Amino acid sequence: MPLSSRQLQDILKGQADAIRQLQAIYEAMDARYATAADRYGFECRGCDDSCCLTRFYHHTLVELVGLFSGYLTLSAEERHCINQNAQTYCRVVSEDERRNRRTRHLCPLNRDTQCLLYRERPMICRLHGVPHIMRHPYKGLITGPGCHIFEATGQPVGESPLDRTPHYIALANLEKALRNATGIETRVRLTIAQMIVCFET
């Protein structure tokens, strides 16, 4: 794992303002997502193929620390249960990969279809679902579809896509500032489950 619980606690103590800025970025994401979803008349009510079953990888130190800040607010019993689920998730996924099996497993933060750290969930968990665009400085305009539930609505994908560009830029700038302030260069490429495991190391 890239960082220990002690390292994450030190970052939290010294960079509390970064976490406040992260929450402001998240709030902007949520507002823009809600606007885009309203334009399409789309509402996520959960489904039998939840995005919580998708193995998303998260790539920023600031989101790792942000999730850790929420994790610390949970009771010791809840943290123990979540960590056990996360270890099981990592072990099963590793076995799936070893056997070249394509299976899906529920995020260890999902309890009865609800996210236990909904306020601190990372960017991709917030923006997944509706069609989107992203203006890349080198690759140009990148487009993406909605989730399979959205596609089932028959809505025209290109009508009112969510522009992820300003959110990516804001998060990238905050990430750069946090890394400059802490001197941490360790790369991050973790699932939620892998993040949680390192919270107890």
Protein backbone atom coordinates (compact mmCIF):
# COMPACT_ATOMS: atom_id res chain seq x y z
CA MET A 1 0.00 0.00 0.00
CA PRO A 2 1.34 3.47 -0.84
CA LEU A 3 0.70 5.24 2.48
CA SER A 4 0.16 4.15 6.07
CA SER A 5 -2.51 5.28 8.49
CA ARG A 6 0.12 7.32 10.36
CA GLN A 7 1.15 9.15 7.20
CA LEU A 8 -2.47 9.92 6.35
CA GLN A 9 -3.09 11.23 9.87
CA ASP A 10 -0.06 13.53 9.56
CA ILE A 11 -1.40 14.90 6.26
CA LEU A 12 -4.81 15.50 7.83
CA LYS A 13 -3.29 17.41 10.71
CA GLY A 14 -1.11 19.60 8.53
CA GLN A 15 -3.40 20.05 5.52
CA ALA A 16 -6.90 20.45 6.93
CA ASP A 17 -7.57 23.32 4.51
CA ALA A 18 -7.00 20.99 1.55
CA ILE A 19 -9.80 18.74 2.78
CA ARG A 20 -12.12 21.74 3.13
CA GLN A 21 -11.26 22.72 -0.44
CA LEU A 22 -11.91 19.15 -1.56
CA GLN A 23 -15.39 19.25 -0.04
CA ALA A 24 -16.09 22.49 -1.90
CA ILE A 25 -15.03 20.83 -5.16
CA TYR A 26 -17.25 17.85 -4.37
CA GLU A 27 -20.21 20.15 -3.69
CA ALA A 28 -19.68 21.81 -7.09
CA MET A 29 -19.58 18.38 -8.73
CA ASP A 30 -22.81 17.35 -7.04
CA ALA A 31 -24.55 20.54 -8.14
CA ARG A 32 -23.42 20.22 -11.75
CA TYR A 33 -24.35 16.54 -11.80
CA ALA A 34 -27.82 17.30 -10.45
CA THR A 35 -28.31 19.95 -13.13
CA ALA A 36 -27.25 17.57 -15.91
CA ALA A 37 -29.42 14.76 -14.55
CA ASP A 38 -32.40 17.12 -14.33
CA ARG A 39 -31.95 18.16 -17.95
CA TYR A 40 -32.17 14.51 -18.93
CA GLY A 41 -34.93 13.73 -16.48
CA PHE A 42 -32.68 11.04 -15.02
CA GLU A 43 -32.62 9.92 -11.39
CA CYS A 44 -30.36 7.26 -9.95
CA ARG A 45 -32.45 5.04 -7.67
CA GLY A 46 -30.03 2.16 -7.47
CA CYS A 47 -30.27 -0.93 -9.65
CA ASP A 48 -29.43 -4.60 -9.85
CA ASP A 49 -26.15 -3.72 -11.58
CA SER A 50 -25.03 -0.93 -9.23
CA CYS A 51 -21.98 1.16 -10.07
CA CYS A 52 -20.83 0.09 -6.59
CA LEU A 53 -20.10 -3.25 -8.29
CA THR A 54 -17.76 -1.57 -10.79
CA ARG A 55 -14.07 -1.68 -9.96
CA PHE A 56 -13.17 1.99 -10.22
CA TYR A 57 -9.57 3.05 -9.63
CA HIS A 58 -8.89 6.39 -7.95
CA HIS A 59 -5.70 8.31 -8.67
CA THR A 60 -5.33 11.26 -6.31
CA LEU A 61 -3.71 11.60 -2.93
CA VAL A 62 -6.21 14.26 -1.89
CA GLU A 63 -9.18 11.94 -2.48
CA LEU A 64 -7.42 9.20 -0.52
CA VAL A 65 -6.95 11.58 2.41
CA GLY A 66 -10.50 12.87 2.00
CA LEU A 67 -11.94 9.38 2.28
CA PHE A 68 -9.71 8.70 5.28
CA SER A 69 -11.09 11.80 7.03
CA GLY A 70 -14.60 10.37 6.72
CA TYR A 71 -13.45 6.89 7.75
CA LEU A 72 -12.18 8.29 11.05
CA THR A 73 -15.67 9.57 11.93
CA LEU A 74 -17.07 6.03 11.96
CA SER A 75 -17.26 3.95 15.10
CA ALA A 76 -14.51 1.43 15.84
CA GLU A 77 -17.01 -1.36 15.20
CA GLU A 78 -17.99 0.06 11.81
CA ARG A 79 -14.35 0.55 10.81
CA HIS A 80 -13.51 -3.02 11.79
CA CYS A 81 -16.42 -4.41 9.76
CA ILE A 82 -15.60 -2.28 6.71
CA ASN A 83 -11.92 -3.20 6.89
CA GLN A 84 -12.76 -6.91 7.05
CA ASN A 85 -15.00 -6.52 4.00
CA ALA A 86 -12.26 -4.59 2.20
CA GLN A 87 -9.68 -7.29 2.90
CA THR A 88 -12.08 -9.94 1.60
CA TYR A 89 -12.77 -7.82 -1.50
CA CYS A 90 -9.05 -7.46 -2.26
CA ARG A 91 -8.39 -11.15 -1.71
CA VAL A 92 -11.27 -12.27 -3.95
CA VAL A 93 -10.39 -9.80 -6.71
CA SER A 94 -6.77 -10.94 -6.61
CA GLU A 95 -7.92 -14.54 -6.97
CA ASP A 96 -10.22 -13.58 -9.84
CA GLU A 97 -7.31 -11.95 -11.64
CA ARG A 98 -5.06 -14.94 -11.02
CA ARG A 99 -7.68 -17.23 -12.53
CA ASN A 100 -8.51 -14.75 -15.30
CA ARG A 101 -12.13 -14.51 -14.16
CA ARG A 102 -14.27 -11.47 -14.95
CA THR A 103 -16.45 -11.05 -11.87
CA ARG A 104 -17.83 -8.07 -9.97
CA HIS A 105 -17.91 -7.47 -6.24
CA LEU A 106 -19.73 -4.94 -4.09
CA CYS A 107 -17.77 -1.99 -2.70
CA PRO A 108 -17.10 -2.55 1.02
CA LEU A 109 -18.64 0.85 1.81
CA ASN A 110 -22.01 -0.21 0.42
CA ARG A 111 -24.46 -1.24 3.13
CA ASP A 112 -28.06 -1.96 2.15
CA THR A 113 -27.57 0.06 -1.10
CA GLN A 114 -26.28 3.09 0.86
CA CYS A 115 -22.70 4.40 0.89
CA LEU A 116 -21.36 4.67 4.44
CA LEU A 117 -19.06 7.52 3.39
CA TYR A 118 -21.37 9.19 0.88
CA ARG A 119 -20.17 12.72 1.74
CA GLU A 120 -16.51 11.74 1.16
CA ARG A 121 -16.97 9.44 -1.85
CA PRO A 122 -14.43 10.12 -4.64
CA MET A 123 -15.06 12.00 -7.87
CA ILE A 124 -15.87 9.11 -10.19
CA CYS A 125 -18.49 7.81 -7.75
CA ARG A 126 -20.17 11.23 -8.00
CA LEU A 127 -20.01 11.77 -11.75
CA HIS A 128 -20.83 8.31 -13.10
CA GLY A 129 -24.25 7.81 -14.64
CA VAL A 130 -25.00 10.61 -17.10
CA PRO A 131 -23.33 11.29 -20.47
CA HIS A 132 -20.27 13.48 -20.16
CA ILE A 133 -17.57 15.33 -22.02
CA MET A 134 -14.04 16.29 -21.06
CA ARG A 135 -11.82 18.75 -22.90
CA HIS A 136 -8.34 17.24 -22.74
CA PRO A 137 -5.40 19.60 -23.45
CA TYR A 138 -3.78 17.09 -25.82
CA LYS A 139 -6.45 14.59 -26.81
CA GLY A 140 -9.15 17.15 -27.50
CA LEU A 141 -12.81 16.49 -26.76
CA ILE A 142 -13.48 13.18 -25.01
CA THR A 143 -17.05 11.94 -24.71
CA GLY A 144 -18.60 9.24 -22.58
CA PRO A 145 -22.04 7.61 -22.38
CA GLY A 146 -24.35 7.30 -19.42
CA CYS A 147 -24.68 4.12 -17.39
CA HIS A 148 -26.75 1.23 -18.71
CA ILE A 149 -29.80 2.44 -16.79
CA PHE A 150 -29.50 5.84 -18.43
CA GLU A 151 -29.12 4.23 -21.84
CA ALA A 152 -32.31 2.26 -21.21
CA THR A 153 -34.23 5.55 -20.96
CA GLY A 154 -33.61 6.19 -24.66
CA GLN A 155 -32.44 9.76 -24.02
CA PRO A 156 -30.27 11.37 -26.75
CA VAL A 157 -26.75 11.15 -25.32
CA GLY A 158 -25.37 14.30 -26.94
CA GLU A 159 -28.12 16.69 -25.86
CA SER A 160 -26.89 17.98 -22.49
CA PRO A 161 -23.76 16.10 -21.38
CA LEU A 162 -22.07 16.87 -18.09
CA ASP A 163 -18.83 18.79 -18.69
CA ARG A 164 -16.33 17.20 -16.33
CA THR A 165 -13.49 19.52 -17.41
CA PRO A 166 -13.73 22.18 -14.67
CA HIS A 167 -13.98 19.50 -11.98
CA TYR A 168 -10.93 17.63 -13.28
CA ILE A 169 -8.97 20.89 -13.39
CA ALA A 170 -9.99 21.92 -9.86
CA LEU A 171 -9.10 18.50 -8.47
CA ALA A 172 -5.78 18.41 -10.35
CA ASN A 173 -4.81 21.83 -9.02
CA LEU A 174 -5.66 20.83 -5.45
CA GLU A 175 -3.73 17.58 -5.87
CA LYS A 176 -0.68 19.48 -7.10
CA ALA A 177 -0.86 21.91 -4.19
CA LEU A 178 -1.18 19.10 -1.63
CA ARG A 179 1.76 17.19 -3.06
CA ASN A 180 3.90 20.32 -3.15
CA ALA A 181 3.02 21.05 0.47
CA THR A 182 3.71 17.51 1.71
CA GLY A 183 6.52 16.47 -0.62
CA ILE A 184 4.77 13.14 -1.19
CA GLU A 185 5.44 11.69 -4.65
CA THR A 186 3.92 8.23 -4.17
CA ARG A 187 1.58 7.40 -7.04
CA VAL A 188 -2.01 6.46 -6.27
CA ARG A 189 -4.00 3.86 -8.20
CA LEU A 190 -6.37 2.27 -5.72
CA THR A 191 -9.86 0.89 -5.46
CA ILE A 192 -11.97 1.95 -2.50
CA ALA A 193 -11.25 -1.42 -0.91
CA GLN A 194 -7.48 -0.97 -1.28
CA MET A 195 -7.75 2.50 0.26
CA ILE A 196 -9.58 1.11 3.27
CA VAL A 197 -7.01 -1.63 3.82
CA CYS A 198 -4.21 0.94 3.96
CA PHE A 199 -6.25 2.96 6.51
CA GLU A 200 -5.42 0.27 9.09
CA THR A 201 -1.77 -0.29 8.23
